[in-house]
Amino acid sequence: MDAQRTYLPAAGRGWALPLYDPLVKLLGGDAARKVLIEQAALSPGLRILDIGCGTGTMAVMIKRLHPNVSVVGLDPDPEALSRARHKAQREDLSIQFEQGFSDGLPYPDGSFDRVFSSFMYHHLPSNEKGKTLREVRRVLRAGGSFHLLDFQGPDAHRQGWLAHWFHAGERLQDNAQSRIFDLLKQCGFSEAARLTQRRLLFGPIAYYQASVPTC
């Protein structure tokens, strides 16, 4: 991994990382992630990648609910990954956590059946969003799918105060539905759809899904 690159921590600020998990859970983030997992229709034997896994909440939840799938979590933040590994060890769950960036995934083509992204997409600078989606498309197998949960863009009008506290405000321009659909199409996905939307205490969120063509 490029040691010179910077990234936005899960909580927006490095010092706030210990507060991230309890605050997100309190405000409904974990329940929102569970819905994302349900939408992916997981079955035994699938290989799963969680990009921007942060402190590992999503990856741990997937493995706990579906013990017979293989789960890999990727994040650039070593402190967040340390917390993620501790969570998995505490629950005796076999999860592979690796350090890296989403726009340069260290995996061969067609390595995964599902790729998840929860509350991470808005962290990416504009010039990295398309690169990330192309990488997601590359590592997905034919017939695989990408599942995205994030804050809604400016077309959702008023954003929650916590979204801004997490440094999301200035990065939400690319979270407009039309922009996400355009990028997914440009990167080779098919059947892109916004499945549902909700308003939580930290702002409006939306669920997206897109597939890799089988031929």
N, C-alpha and C. Protein backbone atom coordinates (compact mmCIF):
# COMPACT_ATOMS: atom_id res chain seq x y z
N MET A 1 0.83 -1.19 0.00
CA MET A 1 0.00 0.00 0.00
C MET A 1 0.87 1.24 0.00
N ASP A 2 0.45 2.29 -0.71
CA ASP A 2 1.20 3.54 -0.80
C ASP A 2 1.15 4.26 0.54
N ALA A 3 2.29 4.32 1.21
CA ALA A 3 2.34 4.93 2.55
C ALA A 3 2.13 6.44 2.50
N GLN A 4 2.28 7.05 1.31
CA GLN A 4 2.15 8.50 1.19
C GLN A 4 0.70 8.95 1.04
N ARG A 5 -0.21 8.04 0.74
CA ARG A 5 -1.60 8.41 0.51
C ARG A 5 -2.31 8.75 1.81
N THR A 6 -3.25 9.65 1.72
CA THR A 6 -4.06 9.99 2.88
C THR A 6 -5.46 9.40 2.71
N TYR A 7 -6.23 9.38 3.77
CA TYR A 7 -7.58 8.85 3.74
C TYR A 7 -8.39 9.51 4.86
N LEU A 8 -9.69 9.46 4.72
CA LEU A 8 -10.58 10.02 5.73
C LEU A 8 -10.96 8.91 6.70
N PRO A 9 -10.64 9.02 8.00
CA PRO A 9 -10.97 7.96 8.95
C PRO A 9 -12.46 7.73 9.04
N ALA A 10 -12.84 6.59 9.58
CA ALA A 10 -14.25 6.20 9.68
C ALA A 10 -15.09 7.28 10.36
N ALA A 11 -14.56 7.87 11.42
CA ALA A 11 -15.30 8.87 12.17
C ALA A 11 -15.03 10.29 11.68
N GLY A 12 -14.32 10.42 10.56
CA GLY A 12 -14.02 11.74 10.04
C GLY A 12 -12.79 12.37 10.66
N ARG A 13 -12.51 12.02 11.91
CA ARG A 13 -11.36 12.54 12.65
C ARG A 13 -10.73 11.37 13.39
N GLY A 14 -9.41 11.26 13.35
CA GLY A 14 -8.74 10.13 13.98
C GLY A 14 -9.04 10.00 15.47
N TRP A 15 -9.09 11.13 16.19
CA TRP A 15 -9.30 11.07 17.62
C TRP A 15 -10.69 10.55 17.98
N ALA A 16 -11.64 10.63 17.04
CA ALA A 16 -13.02 10.23 17.31
C ALA A 16 -13.29 8.75 17.04
N LEU A 17 -12.29 8.00 16.57
CA LEU A 17 -12.50 6.61 16.21
C LEU A 17 -13.11 5.78 17.35
N PRO A 18 -12.67 5.94 18.61
CA PRO A 18 -13.29 5.15 19.69
C PRO A 18 -14.79 5.42 19.87
N LEU A 19 -15.25 6.59 19.42
CA LEU A 19 -16.66 6.94 19.57
C LEU A 19 -17.51 6.43 18.41
N TYR A 20 -16.88 6.02 17.32
CA TYR A 20 -17.60 5.73 16.08
C TYR A 20 -18.60 4.60 16.25
N ASP A 21 -18.15 3.45 16.73
CA ASP A 21 -19.04 2.29 16.82
C ASP A 21 -20.25 2.52 17.71
N PRO A 22 -20.06 2.98 18.97
CA PRO A 22 -21.24 3.17 19.82
C PRO A 22 -22.19 4.24 19.29
N LEU A 23 -21.65 5.28 18.68
CA LEU A 23 -22.51 6.36 18.18
C LEU A 23 -23.33 5.89 16.97
N VAL A 24 -22.67 5.21 16.03
CA VAL A 24 -23.37 4.73 14.84
C VAL A 24 -24.45 3.71 15.23
N LYS A 25 -24.12 2.82 16.16
CA LYS A 25 -25.10 1.82 16.61
C LYS A 25 -26.30 2.51 17.26
N LEU A 26 -26.04 3.49 18.12
CA LEU A 26 -27.10 4.22 18.81
C LEU A 26 -28.05 4.90 17.83
N LEU A 27 -27.50 5.40 16.73
CA LEU A 27 -28.29 6.17 15.77
C LEU A 27 -28.86 5.33 14.63
N GLY A 28 -28.73 4.01 14.73
CA GLY A 28 -29.39 3.14 13.77
C GLY A 28 -28.53 2.61 12.65
N GLY A 29 -27.23 2.88 12.68
CA GLY A 29 -26.36 2.45 11.59
C GLY A 29 -26.24 0.94 11.46
N ASP A 30 -26.17 0.23 12.59
CA ASP A 30 -26.03 -1.22 12.52
C ASP A 30 -27.29 -1.87 11.95
N ALA A 31 -28.45 -1.37 12.34
CA ALA A 31 -29.70 -1.89 11.78
C ALA A 31 -29.78 -1.63 10.29
N ALA A 32 -29.27 -0.48 9.85
CA ALA A 32 -29.25 -0.16 8.42
C ALA A 32 -28.34 -1.12 7.66
N ARG A 33 -27.23 -1.48 8.25
CA ARG A 33 -26.31 -2.43 7.61
C ARG A 33 -26.94 -3.81 7.50
N LYS A 34 -27.71 -4.20 8.50
CA LYS A 34 -28.36 -5.51 8.45
C LYS A 34 -29.31 -5.60 7.27
N VAL A 35 -30.01 -4.51 6.96
CA VAL A 35 -30.89 -4.48 5.79
C VAL A 35 -30.08 -4.68 4.52
N LEU A 36 -28.91 -4.05 4.43
CA LEU A 36 -28.05 -4.19 3.26
C LEU A 36 -27.64 -5.66 3.07
N ILE A 37 -27.31 -6.33 4.16
CA ILE A 37 -26.93 -7.74 4.08
C ILE A 37 -28.11 -8.58 3.59
N GLU A 38 -29.29 -8.31 4.10
CA GLU A 38 -30.48 -9.06 3.68
C GLU A 38 -30.74 -8.90 2.19
N GLN A 39 -30.50 -7.72 1.67
CA GLN A 39 -30.75 -7.45 0.25
C GLN A 39 -29.81 -8.26 -0.65
N ALA A 40 -28.65 -8.68 -0.13
CA ALA A 40 -27.65 -9.36 -0.95
C ALA A 40 -27.94 -10.85 -1.14
N ALA A 41 -28.92 -11.39 -0.43
CA ALA A 41 -29.32 -12.80 -0.60
C ALA A 41 -28.11 -13.73 -0.56
N LEU A 42 -27.39 -13.72 0.55
CA LEU A 42 -26.19 -14.54 0.68
C LEU A 42 -26.53 -16.01 0.86
N SER A 43 -25.64 -16.86 0.37
CA SER A 43 -25.82 -18.31 0.52
C SER A 43 -24.46 -18.94 0.80
N PRO A 44 -24.43 -20.15 1.37
CA PRO A 44 -23.16 -20.78 1.73
C PRO A 44 -22.21 -20.90 0.55
N GLY A 45 -20.94 -20.68 0.84
CA GLY A 45 -19.91 -20.84 -0.17
C GLY A 45 -19.53 -19.57 -0.92
N LEU A 46 -20.31 -18.50 -0.76
CA LEU A 46 -20.00 -17.26 -1.45
C LEU A 46 -18.77 -16.60 -0.82
N ARG A 47 -18.07 -15.85 -1.66
CA ARG A 47 -16.89 -15.10 -1.20
C ARG A 47 -17.25 -13.62 -1.22
N ILE A 48 -17.08 -12.96 -0.07
CA ILE A 48 -17.57 -11.60 0.16
C ILE A 48 -16.42 -10.65 0.43
N LEU A 49 -16.50 -9.45 -0.15
CA LEU A 49 -15.53 -8.39 0.13
C LEU A 49 -16.26 -7.17 0.66
N ASP A 50 -15.78 -6.64 1.78
CA ASP A 50 -16.30 -5.40 2.37
C ASP A 50 -15.24 -4.33 2.21
N ILE A 51 -15.45 -3.40 1.26
CA ILE A 51 -14.45 -2.34 1.03
C ILE A 51 -14.71 -1.18 1.98
N GLY A 52 -13.62 -0.59 2.48
CA GLY A 52 -13.77 0.46 3.47
C GLY A 52 -14.40 -0.09 4.73
N CYS A 53 -13.93 -1.24 5.17
CA CYS A 53 -14.59 -1.96 6.27
C CYS A 53 -14.47 -1.25 7.60
N GLY A 54 -13.55 -0.31 7.72
CA GLY A 54 -13.41 0.44 8.96
C GLY A 54 -13.14 -0.46 10.15
N THR A 55 -13.93 -0.32 11.19
CA THR A 55 -13.73 -1.10 12.42
C THR A 55 -14.34 -2.48 12.36
N GLY A 56 -14.80 -2.89 11.19
CA GLY A 56 -15.20 -4.28 10.98
C GLY A 56 -16.62 -4.65 11.34
N THR A 57 -17.45 -3.68 11.69
CA THR A 57 -18.82 -4.00 12.11
C THR A 57 -19.59 -4.77 11.04
N MET A 58 -19.50 -4.30 9.80
CA MET A 58 -20.24 -4.94 8.71
C MET A 58 -19.71 -6.35 8.44
N ALA A 59 -18.41 -6.50 8.36
CA ALA A 59 -17.81 -7.80 8.09
C ALA A 59 -18.16 -8.81 9.18
N VAL A 60 -18.09 -8.37 10.43
CA VAL A 60 -18.44 -9.25 11.55
C VAL A 60 -19.92 -9.63 11.49
N MET A 61 -20.76 -8.68 11.16
CA MET A 61 -22.19 -8.95 11.06
C MET A 61 -22.48 -9.98 9.97
N ILE A 62 -21.82 -9.82 8.82
CA ILE A 62 -22.01 -10.78 7.72
C ILE A 62 -21.62 -12.18 8.17
N LYS A 63 -20.47 -12.32 8.78
CA LYS A 63 -19.97 -13.63 9.18
C LYS A 63 -20.83 -14.23 10.29
N ARG A 64 -21.33 -13.40 11.18
CA ARG A 64 -22.18 -13.90 12.26
C ARG A 64 -23.51 -14.43 11.71
N LEU A 65 -24.08 -13.70 10.75
CA LEU A 65 -25.37 -14.10 10.17
C LEU A 65 -25.22 -15.24 9.17
N HIS A 66 -24.05 -15.29 8.50
CA HIS A 66 -23.82 -16.29 7.45
C HIS A 66 -22.45 -16.94 7.66
N PRO A 67 -22.35 -17.85 8.63
CA PRO A 67 -21.04 -18.42 8.98
C PRO A 67 -20.38 -19.22 7.87
N ASN A 68 -21.14 -19.64 6.85
CA ASN A 68 -20.58 -20.47 5.80
C ASN A 68 -20.18 -19.68 4.55
N VAL A 69 -20.05 -18.37 4.66
CA VAL A 69 -19.48 -17.58 3.58
C VAL A 69 -18.07 -17.15 3.99
N SER A 70 -17.26 -16.80 3.00
CA SER A 70 -15.91 -16.32 3.25
C SER A 70 -15.91 -14.79 3.19
N VAL A 71 -15.37 -14.14 4.21
CA VAL A 71 -15.44 -12.68 4.31
C VAL A 71 -14.05 -12.06 4.36
N VAL A 72 -13.85 -11.05 3.52
CA VAL A 72 -12.61 -10.27 3.51
C VAL A 72 -12.98 -8.81 3.73
N GLY A 73 -12.27 -8.13 4.61
CA GLY A 73 -12.47 -6.71 4.84
C GLY A 73 -11.23 -5.93 4.47
N LEU A 74 -11.41 -4.81 3.77
CA LEU A 74 -10.29 -3.99 3.32
C LEU A 74 -10.47 -2.55 3.77
N ASP A 75 -9.40 -1.95 4.30
CA ASP A 75 -9.46 -0.55 4.73
C ASP A 75 -8.04 0.00 4.80
N PRO A 76 -7.85 1.30 4.53
CA PRO A 76 -6.50 1.87 4.60
C PRO A 76 -6.04 2.24 6.00
N ASP A 77 -6.94 2.24 6.97
CA ASP A 77 -6.66 2.75 8.31
C ASP A 77 -6.19 1.61 9.24
N PRO A 78 -4.92 1.58 9.62
CA PRO A 78 -4.42 0.49 10.48
C PRO A 78 -5.08 0.47 11.86
N GLU A 79 -5.44 1.62 12.39
CA GLU A 79 -6.07 1.66 13.71
C GLU A 79 -7.47 1.05 13.65
N ALA A 80 -8.21 1.38 12.60
CA ALA A 80 -9.54 0.80 12.43
C ALA A 80 -9.43 -0.71 12.23
N LEU A 81 -8.46 -1.16 11.44
CA LEU A 81 -8.28 -2.59 11.20
C LEU A 81 -7.92 -3.33 12.47
N SER A 82 -7.15 -2.70 13.34
CA SER A 82 -6.82 -3.32 14.62
C SER A 82 -8.08 -3.57 15.43
N ARG A 83 -8.99 -2.61 15.43
CA ARG A 83 -10.26 -2.79 16.13
C ARG A 83 -11.09 -3.88 15.46
N ALA A 84 -11.06 -3.92 14.14
CA ALA A 84 -11.82 -4.93 13.41
C ALA A 84 -11.33 -6.34 13.75
N ARG A 85 -10.02 -6.52 13.75
CA ARG A 85 -9.47 -7.84 14.08
C ARG A 85 -9.81 -8.26 15.51
N HIS A 86 -9.80 -7.29 16.41
CA HIS A 86 -10.15 -7.58 17.80
C HIS A 86 -11.60 -8.03 17.91
N LYS A 87 -12.50 -7.38 17.17
CA LYS A 87 -13.91 -7.78 17.17
C LYS A 87 -14.07 -9.21 16.70
N ALA A 88 -13.43 -9.54 15.59
CA ALA A 88 -13.55 -10.88 15.03
C ALA A 88 -12.98 -11.93 15.99
N GLN A 89 -11.84 -11.64 16.59
CA GLN A 89 -11.24 -12.58 17.54
C GLN A 89 -12.12 -12.77 18.77
N ARG A 90 -12.72 -11.69 19.23
CA ARG A 90 -13.57 -11.76 20.41
C ARG A 90 -14.77 -12.68 20.18
N GLU A 91 -15.28 -12.71 18.94
CA GLU A 91 -16.42 -13.56 18.61
C GLU A 91 -16.01 -14.87 17.96
N ASP A 92 -14.69 -15.11 17.89
CA ASP A 92 -14.15 -16.34 17.30
C ASP A 92 -14.65 -16.52 15.86
N LEU A 93 -14.57 -15.44 15.09
CA LEU A 93 -15.00 -15.47 13.70
C LEU A 93 -13.78 -15.38 12.78
N SER A 94 -13.77 -16.20 11.74
CA SER A 94 -12.66 -16.21 10.79
C SER A 94 -12.93 -15.19 9.68
N ILE A 95 -12.29 -14.04 9.78
CA ILE A 95 -12.43 -12.96 8.79
C ILE A 95 -11.04 -12.46 8.43
N GLN A 96 -10.80 -12.26 7.17
CA GLN A 96 -9.50 -11.78 6.69
C GLN A 96 -9.57 -10.26 6.53
N PHE A 97 -8.81 -9.54 7.35
CA PHE A 97 -8.76 -8.08 7.27
C PHE A 97 -7.42 -7.66 6.67
N GLU A 98 -7.47 -6.79 5.65
CA GLU A 98 -6.26 -6.37 4.96
C GLU A 98 -6.25 -4.85 4.78
N GLN A 99 -5.05 -4.29 4.75
CA GLN A 99 -4.88 -2.86 4.56
C GLN A 99 -4.73 -2.54 3.08
N GLY A 100 -5.51 -1.58 2.59
CA GLY A 100 -5.42 -1.20 1.19
C GLY A 100 -6.48 -0.19 0.83
N PHE A 101 -6.40 0.31 -0.40
CA PHE A 101 -7.34 1.32 -0.89
C PHE A 101 -8.31 0.69 -1.89
N SER A 102 -9.53 1.21 -1.90
CA SER A 102 -10.58 0.63 -2.73
C SER A 102 -10.38 0.86 -4.22
N ASP A 103 -9.56 1.85 -4.61
CA ASP A 103 -9.35 2.11 -6.03
C ASP A 103 -8.15 1.34 -6.59
N GLY A 104 -7.61 0.43 -5.78
CA GLY A 104 -6.52 -0.43 -6.22
C GLY A 104 -6.59 -1.75 -5.47
N LEU A 105 -7.67 -2.48 -5.66
CA LEU A 105 -7.91 -3.69 -4.88
C LEU A 105 -6.86 -4.76 -5.18
N PRO A 106 -6.25 -5.32 -4.15
CA PRO A 106 -5.15 -6.29 -4.33
C PRO A 106 -5.64 -7.72 -4.54
N TYR A 107 -6.61 -7.89 -5.44
CA TYR A 107 -7.20 -9.21 -5.67
C TYR A 107 -7.31 -9.46 -7.17
N PRO A 108 -7.23 -10.74 -7.58
CA PRO A 108 -7.36 -11.07 -9.01
C PRO A 108 -8.77 -10.79 -9.52
N ASP A 109 -8.88 -10.72 -10.83
CA ASP A 109 -10.19 -10.55 -11.47
C ASP A 109 -11.13 -11.68 -11.04
N GLY A 110 -12.40 -11.33 -10.84
CA GLY A 110 -13.41 -12.34 -10.55
C GLY A 110 -13.20 -13.09 -9.25
N SER A 111 -12.71 -12.41 -8.21
CA SER A 111 -12.40 -13.08 -6.95
C SER A 111 -13.58 -13.21 -6.00
N PHE A 112 -14.64 -12.40 -6.19
CA PHE A 112 -15.71 -12.33 -5.21
C PHE A 112 -17.09 -12.46 -5.86
N ASP A 113 -18.03 -12.93 -5.04
CA ASP A 113 -19.43 -13.04 -5.47
C ASP A 113 -20.24 -11.82 -5.08
N ARG A 114 -19.86 -11.17 -4.00
CA ARG A 114 -20.54 -9.96 -3.54
C ARG A 114 -19.48 -8.98 -3.04
N VAL A 115 -19.72 -7.71 -3.31
CA VAL A 115 -18.90 -6.65 -2.71
C VAL A 115 -19.84 -5.67 -2.02
N PHE A 116 -19.51 -5.33 -0.77
CA PHE A 116 -20.30 -4.41 0.02
C PHE A 116 -19.53 -3.11 0.26
N SER A 117 -20.28 -2.02 0.38
CA SER A 117 -19.74 -0.74 0.80
C SER A 117 -20.79 -0.06 1.67
N SER A 118 -20.47 0.16 2.93
CA SER A 118 -21.44 0.79 3.84
C SER A 118 -20.84 2.04 4.48
N PHE A 119 -21.46 3.17 4.23
CA PHE A 119 -21.06 4.46 4.80
C PHE A 119 -19.59 4.79 4.51
N MET A 120 -19.12 4.39 3.33
CA MET A 120 -17.74 4.66 2.93
C MET A 120 -17.65 5.48 1.66
N TYR A 121 -18.59 5.31 0.75
CA TYR A 121 -18.50 5.91 -0.58
C TYR A 121 -18.31 7.42 -0.52
N HIS A 122 -18.98 8.07 0.43
CA HIS A 122 -18.86 9.53 0.53
C HIS A 122 -17.48 9.97 0.99
N HIS A 123 -16.69 9.05 1.54
CA HIS A 123 -15.33 9.38 1.96
C HIS A 123 -14.40 9.59 0.78
N LEU A 124 -14.76 9.02 -0.37
CA LEU A 124 -13.85 9.04 -1.52
C LEU A 124 -13.87 10.39 -2.23
N PRO A 125 -12.71 10.93 -2.59
CA PRO A 125 -12.68 12.12 -3.45
C PRO A 125 -13.32 11.78 -4.80
N SER A 126 -13.79 12.79 -5.50
CA SER A 126 -14.49 12.57 -6.77
C SER A 126 -13.68 11.75 -7.75
N ASN A 127 -12.38 12.00 -7.81
CA ASN A 127 -11.55 11.29 -8.80
C ASN A 127 -11.27 9.84 -8.43
N GLU A 128 -11.67 9.42 -7.23
CA GLU A 128 -11.46 8.04 -6.81
C GLU A 128 -12.73 7.20 -6.87
N LYS A 129 -13.89 7.85 -7.01
CA LYS A 129 -15.14 7.10 -7.01
C LYS A 129 -15.25 6.18 -8.23
N GLY A 130 -15.00 6.72 -9.42
CA GLY A 130 -15.05 5.90 -10.62
C GLY A 130 -14.00 4.79 -10.60
N LYS A 131 -12.79 5.11 -10.13
CA LYS A 131 -11.73 4.10 -10.04
C LYS A 131 -12.15 2.97 -9.10
N THR A 132 -12.78 3.34 -8.00
CA THR A 132 -13.24 2.32 -7.05
C THR A 132 -14.29 1.42 -7.67
N LEU A 133 -15.27 2.01 -8.35
CA LEU A 133 -16.32 1.19 -8.96
C LEU A 133 -15.77 0.29 -10.07
N ARG A 134 -14.78 0.77 -10.81
CA ARG A 134 -14.16 -0.09 -11.82
C ARG A 134 -13.43 -1.26 -11.18
N GLU A 135 -12.78 -1.01 -10.06
CA GLU A 135 -12.10 -2.08 -9.34
C GLU A 135 -13.10 -3.08 -8.77
N VAL A 136 -14.20 -2.58 -8.24
CA VAL A 136 -15.25 -3.47 -7.73
C VAL A 136 -15.76 -4.36 -8.86
N ARG A 137 -16.02 -3.74 -10.00
CA ARG A 137 -16.50 -4.51 -11.17
C ARG A 137 -15.47 -5.56 -11.58
N ARG A 138 -14.19 -5.23 -11.52
CA ARG A 138 -13.14 -6.15 -11.93
C ARG A 138 -13.07 -7.38 -11.05
N VAL A 139 -13.18 -7.18 -9.71
CA VAL A 139 -12.99 -8.32 -8.80
C VAL A 139 -14.26 -9.14 -8.61
N LEU A 140 -15.39 -8.68 -9.15
CA LEU A 140 -16.62 -9.46 -9.06
C LEU A 140 -16.68 -10.50 -10.17
N ARG A 141 -17.19 -11.66 -9.83
CA ARG A 141 -17.41 -12.71 -10.82
C ARG A 141 -18.64 -12.39 -11.65
N ALA A 142 -18.74 -13.01 -12.82
CA ALA A 142 -19.95 -12.87 -13.65
C ALA A 142 -21.16 -13.31 -12.83
N GLY A 143 -22.18 -12.49 -12.83
CA GLY A 143 -23.36 -12.77 -12.04
C GLY A 143 -23.28 -12.26 -10.61
N GLY A 144 -22.12 -11.73 -10.22
CA GLY A 144 -21.96 -11.18 -8.88
C GLY A 144 -22.62 -9.82 -8.76
N SER A 145 -22.64 -9.29 -7.54
CA SER A 145 -23.35 -8.02 -7.34
C SER A 145 -22.66 -7.14 -6.31
N PHE A 146 -22.88 -5.85 -6.48
CA PHE A 146 -22.33 -4.80 -5.62
C PHE A 146 -23.47 -4.19 -4.82
N HIS A 147 -23.26 -4.01 -3.53
CA HIS A 147 -24.30 -3.52 -2.62
C HIS A 147 -23.77 -2.32 -1.86
N LEU A 148 -24.40 -1.17 -2.08
CA LEU A 148 -23.92 0.12 -1.58
C LEU A 148 -24.95 0.76 -0.66
N LEU A 149 -24.49 1.17 0.51
CA LEU A 149 -25.30 1.92 1.47
C LEU A 149 -24.54 3.18 1.83
N ASP A 150 -25.19 4.34 1.65
CA ASP A 150 -24.49 5.58 2.00
C ASP A 150 -25.50 6.71 2.19
N PHE A 151 -24.98 7.84 2.67
CA PHE A 151 -25.80 9.04 2.78
C PHE A 151 -26.28 9.45 1.40
N GLN A 152 -27.49 9.98 1.34
CA GLN A 152 -28.00 10.48 0.07
C GLN A 152 -27.32 11.80 -0.28
N GLY A 153 -27.35 12.11 -1.56
CA GLY A 153 -26.71 13.31 -2.06
C GLY A 153 -27.56 14.55 -1.90
N PRO A 154 -27.18 15.64 -2.57
CA PRO A 154 -27.89 16.91 -2.43
C PRO A 154 -29.34 16.85 -2.90
N ASP A 155 -29.70 15.84 -3.70
CA ASP A 155 -31.09 15.72 -4.14
C ASP A 155 -31.99 15.26 -3.01
N ALA A 156 -31.39 14.92 -1.84
CA ALA A 156 -32.18 14.54 -0.67
C ALA A 156 -32.47 15.74 0.22
N HIS A 157 -32.02 16.92 -0.23
CA HIS A 157 -32.27 18.17 0.51
C HIS A 157 -31.49 18.18 1.83
N ARG A 158 -32.15 18.35 2.92
CA ARG A 158 -31.47 18.59 4.19
C ARG A 158 -30.71 17.36 4.68
N GLN A 159 -29.43 17.53 4.95
CA GLN A 159 -28.61 16.45 5.46
C GLN A 159 -28.59 16.50 6.99
N GLY A 160 -28.36 15.35 7.58
CA GLY A 160 -28.30 15.26 9.03
C GLY A 160 -27.03 15.89 9.58
N TRP A 161 -27.11 16.34 10.82
CA TRP A 161 -25.95 17.00 11.43
C TRP A 161 -24.78 16.06 11.58
N LEU A 162 -25.06 14.76 11.80
CA LEU A 162 -23.97 13.84 12.00
C LEU A 162 -23.22 13.56 10.71
N ALA A 163 -23.91 13.60 9.59
CA ALA A 163 -23.24 13.43 8.31
C ALA A 163 -22.17 14.51 8.13
N HIS A 164 -22.51 15.73 8.54
CA HIS A 164 -21.55 16.82 8.44
C HIS A 164 -20.44 16.66 9.47
N TRP A 165 -20.79 16.16 10.66
CA TRP A 165 -19.77 15.95 11.69
C TRP A 165 -18.76 14.92 11.23
N PHE A 166 -19.22 13.91 10.47
CA PHE A 166 -18.32 12.89 9.92
C PHE A 166 -17.62 13.37 8.66
N HIS A 167 -17.64 14.67 8.39
CA HIS A 167 -16.98 15.25 7.22
C HIS A 167 -17.63 14.81 5.92
N ALA A 168 -18.91 14.45 5.97
CA ALA A 168 -19.56 13.98 4.76
C ALA A 168 -20.06 15.13 3.90
N GLY A 169 -20.39 16.26 4.52
CA GLY A 169 -21.09 17.32 3.81
C GLY A 169 -20.46 17.74 2.51
N GLU A 170 -19.15 18.01 2.54
CA GLU A 170 -18.49 18.51 1.33
C GLU A 170 -18.25 17.42 0.30
N ARG A 171 -18.53 16.17 0.64
CA ARG A 171 -18.26 15.05 -0.27
C ARG A 171 -19.53 14.42 -0.82
N LEU A 172 -20.69 15.01 -0.53
CA LEU A 172 -21.94 14.38 -0.91
C LEU A 172 -22.42 14.76 -2.31
N GLN A 173 -21.74 15.64 -3.00
CA GLN A 173 -22.19 16.04 -4.32
C GLN A 173 -22.28 14.85 -5.27
N ASP A 174 -21.35 13.91 -5.16
CA ASP A 174 -21.34 12.75 -6.04
C ASP A 174 -22.29 11.65 -5.58
N ASN A 175 -23.00 11.87 -4.48
CA ASN A 175 -23.95 10.87 -3.98
C ASN A 175 -25.35 11.06 -4.53
N ALA A 176 -25.52 11.99 -5.45
CA ALA A 176 -26.81 12.13 -6.13
C ALA A 176 -27.12 10.84 -6.88
N GLN A 177 -28.37 10.43 -6.86
CA GLN A 177 -28.75 9.17 -7.49
C GLN A 177 -28.32 9.10 -8.95
N SER A 178 -28.55 10.17 -9.71
CA SER A 178 -28.20 10.16 -11.13
C SER A 178 -26.70 9.98 -11.33
N ARG A 179 -25.90 10.59 -10.46
CA ARG A 179 -24.45 10.47 -10.58
C ARG A 179 -23.99 9.05 -10.28
N ILE A 180 -24.56 8.43 -9.26
CA ILE A 180 -24.20 7.06 -8.92
C ILE A 180 -24.57 6.12 -10.06
N PHE A 181 -25.78 6.28 -10.62
CA PHE A 181 -26.20 5.43 -11.74
C PHE A 181 -25.27 5.60 -12.94
N ASP A 182 -24.91 6.84 -13.23
CA ASP A 182 -24.02 7.09 -14.38
C ASP A 182 -22.68 6.40 -14.20
N LEU A 183 -22.11 6.50 -13.01
CA LEU A 183 -20.81 5.88 -12.77
C LEU A 183 -20.90 4.36 -12.83
N LEU A 184 -21.95 3.79 -12.27
CA LEU A 184 -22.10 2.34 -12.31
C LEU A 184 -22.19 1.85 -13.75
N LYS A 185 -22.94 2.57 -14.56
CA LYS A 185 -23.07 2.18 -15.97
C LYS A 185 -21.73 2.31 -16.70
N GLN A 186 -21.03 3.42 -16.47
CA GLN A 186 -19.74 3.64 -17.12
C GLN A 186 -18.73 2.56 -16.74
N CYS A 187 -18.87 2.02 -15.54
CA CYS A 187 -17.91 1.02 -15.05
C CYS A 187 -18.30 -0.41 -15.39
N GLY A 188 -19.37 -0.58 -16.17
CA GLY A 188 -19.70 -1.90 -16.67
C GLY A 188 -20.71 -2.69 -15.89
N PHE A 189 -21.40 -2.05 -14.95
CA PHE A 189 -22.45 -2.74 -14.21
C PHE A 189 -23.76 -2.72 -14.99
N SER A 190 -24.63 -3.66 -14.67
CA SER A 190 -25.98 -3.69 -15.25
C SER A 190 -27.01 -3.74 -14.13
N GLU A 191 -28.24 -3.48 -14.48
CA GLU A 191 -29.37 -3.58 -13.54
C GLU A 191 -29.15 -2.76 -12.28
N ALA A 192 -28.57 -1.58 -12.42
CA ALA A 192 -28.37 -0.71 -11.26
C ALA A 192 -29.72 -0.18 -10.78
N ALA A 193 -29.91 -0.20 -9.47
CA ALA A 193 -31.19 0.23 -8.91
C ALA A 193 -31.00 0.79 -7.51
N ARG A 194 -31.81 1.77 -7.17
CA ARG A 194 -31.88 2.20 -5.78
C ARG A 194 -33.04 1.44 -5.15
N LEU A 195 -32.72 0.53 -4.24
CA LEU A 195 -33.72 -0.39 -3.71
C LEU A 195 -34.67 0.28 -2.73
N THR A 196 -34.12 1.12 -1.88
CA THR A 196 -34.96 1.79 -0.90
C THR A 196 -34.18 2.96 -0.30
N GLN A 197 -34.87 3.76 0.48
CA GLN A 197 -34.23 4.87 1.18
C GLN A 197 -34.87 5.01 2.54
N ARG A 198 -34.13 5.58 3.47
CA ARG A 198 -34.61 5.75 4.84
C ARG A 198 -34.04 7.05 5.38
N ARG A 199 -34.65 7.54 6.43
CA ARG A 199 -34.09 8.70 7.13
C ARG A 199 -33.78 8.28 8.56
N LEU A 200 -32.51 8.29 8.89
CA LEU A 200 -32.07 7.99 10.24
C LEU A 200 -31.72 9.29 10.96
N LEU A 201 -31.36 9.18 12.22
CA LEU A 201 -31.04 10.38 12.99
C LEU A 201 -29.83 11.11 12.42
N PHE A 202 -28.92 10.36 11.76
CA PHE A 202 -27.73 11.03 11.20
C PHE A 202 -27.92 11.42 9.75
N GLY A 203 -29.16 11.36 9.24
CA GLY A 203 -29.42 11.85 7.90
C GLY A 203 -30.08 10.82 7.01
N PRO A 204 -30.49 11.23 5.79
CA PRO A 204 -31.13 10.32 4.84
C PRO A 204 -30.10 9.39 4.20
N ILE A 205 -30.46 8.12 4.08
CA ILE A 205 -29.56 7.13 3.49
C ILE A 205 -30.27 6.42 2.35
N ALA A 206 -29.50 5.80 1.47
CA ALA A 206 -30.07 5.09 0.33
C ALA A 206 -29.31 3.80 0.10
N TYR A 207 -30.02 2.80 -0.43
CA TYR A 207 -29.46 1.49 -0.74
C TYR A 207 -29.44 1.30 -2.25
N TYR A 208 -28.28 0.93 -2.78
CA TYR A 208 -28.11 0.68 -4.21
C TYR A 208 -27.61 -0.74 -4.44
N GLN A 209 -27.98 -1.27 -5.60
CA GLN A 209 -27.50 -2.58 -5.99
C GLN A 209 -27.24 -2.58 -7.50
N ALA A 210 -26.16 -3.25 -7.90
CA ALA A 210 -25.84 -3.37 -9.33
C ALA A 210 -25.19 -4.72 -9.56
N SER A 211 -25.36 -5.26 -10.76
CA SER A 211 -24.89 -6.60 -11.06
C SER A 211 -23.83 -6.60 -12.16
N VAL A 212 -23.08 -7.70 -12.20
CA VAL A 212 -22.11 -7.94 -13.27
C VAL A 212 -22.78 -8.86 -14.29
N PRO A 213 -22.83 -8.48 -15.55
CA PRO A 213 -23.48 -9.33 -16.56
C PRO A 213 -22.88 -10.74 -16.58
N THR A 214 -23.71 -11.72 -16.91
CA THR A 214 -23.25 -13.11 -16.95
C THR A 214 -22.61 -13.46 -18.27
N CYS A 215 -22.72 -12.60 -19.26
CA CYS A 215 -22.08 -12.88 -20.55
C CYS A 215 -21.67 -11.57 -21.22
